Protein backbone atom coordinates (compact mmCIF):
# COMPACT_ATOMS: atom_id res chain seq x y z
CA UNK A 1 -5.00 -31.17 -77.88
CA UNK A 2 -5.15 -30.82 -73.84
CA UNK A 3 -2.10 -29.37 -73.74
CA UNK A 4 -2.83 -26.77 -76.45
CA UNK A 5 -6.02 -25.64 -74.53
CA UNK A 6 -4.12 -25.47 -71.24
CA UNK A 7 -1.49 -23.01 -72.93
CA UNK A 8 -4.17 -21.14 -74.24
CA UNK A 9 -5.81 -20.68 -70.87
CA UNK A 10 -2.45 -19.97 -69.17
CA UNK A 11 -1.88 -17.29 -71.74
CA UNK A 12 -5.19 -15.63 -70.98
CA UNK A 13 -4.79 -15.70 -67.39
CA UNK A 14 -1.19 -14.18 -67.99
CA UNK A 15 -2.41 -11.33 -70.00
CA UNK A 16 -5.18 -10.51 -67.47
CA UNK A 17 -2.84 -10.16 -64.76
CA UNK A 18 -0.75 -7.93 -66.97
CA UNK A 19 -3.54 -5.92 -68.12
CA UNK A 20 -4.67 -5.72 -64.12
CA UNK A 21 -1.02 -4.58 -62.99
CA UNK A 22 -0.93 -1.64 -65.65
CA UNK A 23 -4.12 -0.52 -65.52
CA UNK A 24 -4.19 2.99 -63.60
CA UNK A 25 -6.02 2.54 -60.10
CA UNK A 26 -8.99 4.78 -59.62
CA UNK A 27 -8.28 7.81 -56.89
CA UNK A 28 -10.26 7.57 -53.78
CA UNK A 29 -12.87 10.05 -52.72
CA UNK A 30 -11.85 12.74 -50.31
CA UNK A 31 -14.01 11.37 -47.63
CA UNK A 32 -12.37 7.90 -47.82
CA UNK A 33 -8.98 9.00 -48.04
CA UNK A 34 -9.22 11.67 -44.82
CA UNK A 35 -11.59 9.23 -42.73
CA UNK A 36 -9.25 8.76 -40.10
CA UNK A 37 -7.62 12.29 -40.34
CA UNK A 38 -8.11 15.64 -38.31
CA UNK A 39 -10.14 18.18 -40.36
CA UNK A 40 -9.44 22.02 -40.03
CA UNK A 41 -12.23 23.71 -41.66
CA UNK A 42 -12.26 26.87 -43.18
CA UNK A 43 -11.31 29.12 -46.27
CA UNK A 44 -9.35 26.46 -47.72
CA UNK A 45 -10.11 23.06 -45.58
CA UNK A 46 -7.02 21.06 -44.28
CA UNK A 47 -6.55 17.52 -43.43
CA UNK A 48 -3.89 16.27 -40.99
CA UNK A 49 -2.61 12.90 -40.61
CA UNK A 50 -1.14 12.65 -37.31
CA UNK A 51 0.57 9.36 -38.06
CA UNK A 52 2.82 10.33 -40.63
CA UNK A 53 2.99 14.08 -40.07
CA UNK A 54 1.30 15.13 -43.46
CA UNK A 55 -1.13 17.89 -44.23
CA UNK A 56 -3.40 17.71 -47.18
CA UNK A 57 -5.33 20.89 -48.83
CA UNK A 58 -8.82 20.50 -50.15
CA UNK A 59 -9.13 22.68 -53.28
CA UNK A 60 -12.62 23.44 -54.57
CA UNK A 61 -12.16 26.81 -56.78
CA UNK A 62 -9.55 27.09 -59.66
CA UNK A 63 -8.60 29.87 -61.74
CA UNK A 64 -9.81 32.28 -58.88
CA UNK A 65 -7.23 34.53 -57.32
CA UNK A 66 -6.56 34.97 -53.58
CA UNK A 67 -3.82 36.21 -51.14
CA UNK A 68 -0.80 34.11 -50.40
CA UNK A 69 1.85 35.33 -47.63
CA UNK A 70 4.68 33.90 -45.78
CA UNK A 71 5.42 35.32 -42.44
CA UNK A 72 8.02 34.83 -39.73
CA UNK A 73 5.98 34.26 -36.35
CA UNK A 74 9.30 33.43 -34.49
CA UNK A 75 12.47 35.47 -34.78
CA UNK A 76 16.11 34.39 -34.78
CA UNK A 77 16.76 37.10 -32.16
CA UNK A 78 19.76 39.23 -34.13
CA UNK A 79 19.06 42.87 -35.30
CA UNK A 80 21.90 42.63 -37.67
CA UNK A 81 20.56 39.69 -39.41
CA UNK A 82 16.94 41.29 -39.65
CA UNK A 83 15.15 38.20 -39.26
CA UNK A 84 12.75 39.44 -36.39
CA UNK A 85 9.60 38.26 -35.00
CA UNK A 86 6.43 39.03 -36.87
CA UNK A 87 8.50 39.93 -39.95
CA UNK A 88 6.28 39.83 -43.35
CA UNK A 89 7.55 38.31 -46.62
CA UNK A 90 6.13 39.32 -49.92
CA UNK A 91 2.44 39.24 -50.25
CA UNK A 92 1.68 37.16 -53.75
CA UNK A 93 -1.78 36.91 -55.90
CA UNK A 94 -2.05 33.50 -57.06
CA UNK A 95 -4.41 31.11 -58.12
CA UNK A 96 -4.76 27.24 -58.47
CA UNK A 97 -4.62 25.78 -61.82
CA UNK A 98 -5.56 22.02 -62.49
CA UNK A 99 -3.22 20.45 -64.84
CA UNK A 100 -3.92 16.53 -65.34
CA UNK A 101 -3.03 14.64 -62.17
CA UNK A 102 -1.34 17.95 -60.67
CA UNK A 103 -2.57 21.31 -59.21
CA UNK A 104 -0.28 24.26 -59.93
CA UNK A 105 -0.05 27.30 -57.80
CA UNK A 106 0.52 30.12 -60.25
CA UNK A 107 1.44 33.79 -59.52
CA UNK A 108 0.37 36.06 -62.76
CA UNK A 109 2.73 38.67 -63.81
CA UNK A 110 0.94 41.91 -62.79
CA UNK A 111 4.17 43.85 -63.34
CA UNK A 112 2.96 44.03 -66.86
CA UNK A 113 -0.55 44.79 -67.59
CA UNK A 114 -2.73 46.03 -70.47
CA UNK A 115 -6.08 48.06 -69.85
CA UNK A 116 -7.11 47.77 -73.60
CA UNK A 117 -9.51 44.99 -75.11
CA UNK A 118 -9.52 41.36 -74.75
CA UNK A 119 -6.76 40.89 -77.63
CA UNK A 120 -4.39 43.63 -76.03
CA UNK A 121 -4.59 41.95 -72.62
CA UNK A 122 -4.12 38.48 -74.12
CA UNK A 123 -0.95 39.81 -76.03
CA UNK A 124 0.49 41.28 -72.89
CA UNK A 125 0.01 37.87 -70.71
CA UNK A 126 1.80 35.94 -73.62
CA UNK A 127 4.31 38.29 -73.73
CA UNK A 128 5.70 38.11 -70.16
CA UNK A 129 6.57 34.75 -68.16
CA UNK A 130 4.38 33.96 -65.16
CA UNK A 131 5.62 31.89 -62.06
CA UNK A 132 4.72 28.65 -61.11
CA UNK A 133 5.07 28.89 -57.22
CA UNK A 134 4.42 25.17 -56.29
CA UNK A 135 3.13 21.92 -58.11
CA UNK A 136 1.05 19.67 -56.04
CA UNK A 137 -0.01 15.90 -56.87
CA UNK A 138 -3.84 15.07 -56.42
CA UNK A 139 -4.25 12.44 -53.98
CA UNK A 140 -8.04 12.31 -53.80
CA UNK A 141 -10.97 13.60 -55.99
CA UNK A 142 -14.87 14.31 -55.11
CA UNK A 143 -16.83 15.91 -57.67
CA UNK A 144 -15.31 19.25 -58.68
CA UNK A 145 -13.01 18.83 -55.37
CA UNK A 146 -9.36 17.71 -55.15
CA UNK A 147 -7.10 16.72 -52.28
CA UNK A 148 -3.51 17.27 -52.75
CA UNK A 149 -0.65 16.79 -50.46
CA UNK A 150 0.67 20.07 -49.25
CA UNK A 151 3.51 18.93 -46.60
CA UNK A 152 6.70 19.74 -48.69
CA UNK A 153 5.11 22.83 -49.70
CA UNK A 154 4.57 23.84 -46.08
CA UNK A 155 7.33 22.17 -44.24
CA UNK A 156 10.17 24.28 -45.69
CA UNK A 157 12.17 27.60 -45.46
CA UNK A 158 9.75 29.55 -47.42
CA UNK A 159 10.78 32.68 -45.82
CA UNK A 160 14.47 32.28 -47.17
CA UNK A 161 15.93 32.38 -43.40
CA UNK A 162 18.93 30.42 -44.53
CA UNK A 163 19.57 32.35 -47.50
CA UNK A 164 19.56 35.52 -45.26
CA UNK A 165 21.89 34.20 -42.93
CA UNK A 166 24.41 32.85 -45.44
CA UNK A 167 24.19 36.38 -47.28
CA UNK A 168 25.27 37.86 -43.84
CA UNK A 169 28.40 35.31 -43.92
CA UNK A 170 27.27 33.78 -40.88
CA UNK A 171 27.75 30.24 -41.94
CA UNK A 172 26.30 28.08 -44.83
CA UNK A 173 22.70 26.99 -43.44
CA UNK A 174 20.13 24.72 -45.39
CA UNK A 175 16.75 23.45 -44.53
CA UNK A 176 17.13 20.43 -42.40
CA UNK A 177 13.91 18.14 -42.94
CA UNK A 178 14.65 15.75 -40.18
CA UNK A 179 14.21 18.85 -37.62
CA UNK A 180 11.26 20.35 -39.01
CA UNK A 181 7.64 19.60 -38.61
CA UNK A 182 4.19 20.86 -38.74
CA UNK A 183 3.00 23.29 -35.99
CA UNK A 184 -0.33 22.50 -35.25
CA UNK A 185 -1.10 24.69 -32.18
CA UNK A 186 -1.33 27.74 -34.75
CA UNK A 187 -2.53 25.95 -37.74
CA UNK A 188 -6.08 27.50 -37.85
CA UNK A 189 -8.91 27.89 -40.48
CA UNK A 190 -11.51 30.79 -40.54
CA UNK A 191 -13.86 31.52 -43.09
CA UNK A 192 -11.96 34.25 -45.10
CA UNK A 193 -8.19 33.02 -44.37
CA UNK A 194 -6.27 29.86 -43.50
CA UNK A 195 -2.96 29.65 -41.60
CA UNK A 196 -0.56 26.87 -41.46
CA UNK A 197 2.74 26.94 -39.47
CA UNK A 198 5.62 24.99 -39.39
CA UNK A 199 8.68 24.60 -37.22
CA UNK A 200 11.66 25.00 -39.45
CA UNK A 201 15.28 24.26 -38.60
CA UNK A 202 18.23 25.53 -40.79
CA UNK A 203 21.63 23.29 -39.93
CA UNK A 204 24.90 24.94 -40.97
CA UNK A 205 27.11 22.64 -43.25
CA UNK A 206 30.48 24.03 -41.56
CA UNK A 207 31.55 26.69 -38.99
CA UNK A 208 29.36 29.30 -37.61
CA UNK A 209 29.89 32.83 -36.78
CA UNK A 210 29.28 35.22 -33.61
CA UNK A 211 25.82 36.93 -35.14
CA UNK A 212 24.28 33.31 -34.92
CA UNK A 213 26.16 31.89 -32.05
CA UNK A 214 25.28 34.80 -29.78
CA UNK A 215 21.60 34.04 -30.07
CA UNK A 216 20.94 30.20 -30.38
CA UNK A 217 21.53 27.53 -28.04
CA UNK A 218 23.49 25.75 -30.61
CA UNK A 219 24.74 27.89 -33.34
CA UNK A 220 24.84 24.76 -35.96
CA UNK A 221 21.09 24.51 -35.67
CA UNK A 222 18.57 27.63 -36.02
CA UNK A 223 15.10 26.63 -35.43
CA UNK A 224 12.08 29.15 -36.29
CA UNK A 225 8.37 28.97 -36.95
CA UNK A 226 6.90 30.04 -40.45
CA UNK A 227 3.58 30.67 -41.42
CA UNK A 228 1.93 30.45 -44.75
CA UNK A 229 -1.45 32.65 -44.83
CA UNK A 230 -4.14 31.88 -47.51
CA UNK A 231 -6.54 34.88 -47.71
CA UNK A 232 -9.82 35.39 -49.76
CA UNK A 233 -9.50 38.49 -51.79
CA UNK A 234 -12.36 41.22 -51.35
CA UNK A 235 -15.22 41.07 -53.68
CA UNK A 236 -16.30 43.88 -55.91
CA UNK A 237 -18.20 45.86 -53.47
CA UNK A 238 -15.18 46.53 -51.55
CA UNK A 239 -14.28 50.24 -50.80
CA UNK A 240 -11.25 51.17 -49.19
CA UNK A 241 -11.81 53.24 -46.00
């Protein structure tokens, strides 16, 4: 009898441990998660973890459009390549959409729009594809606000520098994560815009050609800075000058 009781107790303990291991853990609050991080306040609050080089974005507004732009604060130095200092990329109207444990950065399709009633607008929206620019994992929540890890989104060749060099047949360059990082001196927040900059290195997988070799210390590694701008759209009272 004692053996049966002991066996039952053991089963209960094992079941309890198993449930504890499989049960989802509650996410930390934003305040607790970012306690030791540097906060950069502004249009889109940022949190920087200097220990691991990660950057987080706090998102409080969903389904609200804003401008997203990537630019090139530092150029490659070759006119034929066309990667000049201060070059602007395409400006996108985007929104954040929450989808379970993710946040999607979505670009609506404004190439095709309807000006009629709600049914016509919906019909056009459903007929043409949108573009999801990025998917972020939610790391912490607090009320209606969420915190996402934006490191991989920021530290990448978002401007397409490697693609441009490759198109000019100057080598086969790809993004080199080990030689890339956040550039904090130019990462700043303002009431109507947030600017995040990264040092981005493109490394050649083979031989390099003259256009790159002539303007870089080591032609195999091309290092530039790329800036991500998040800008508030004007309200309904805006009037062009």
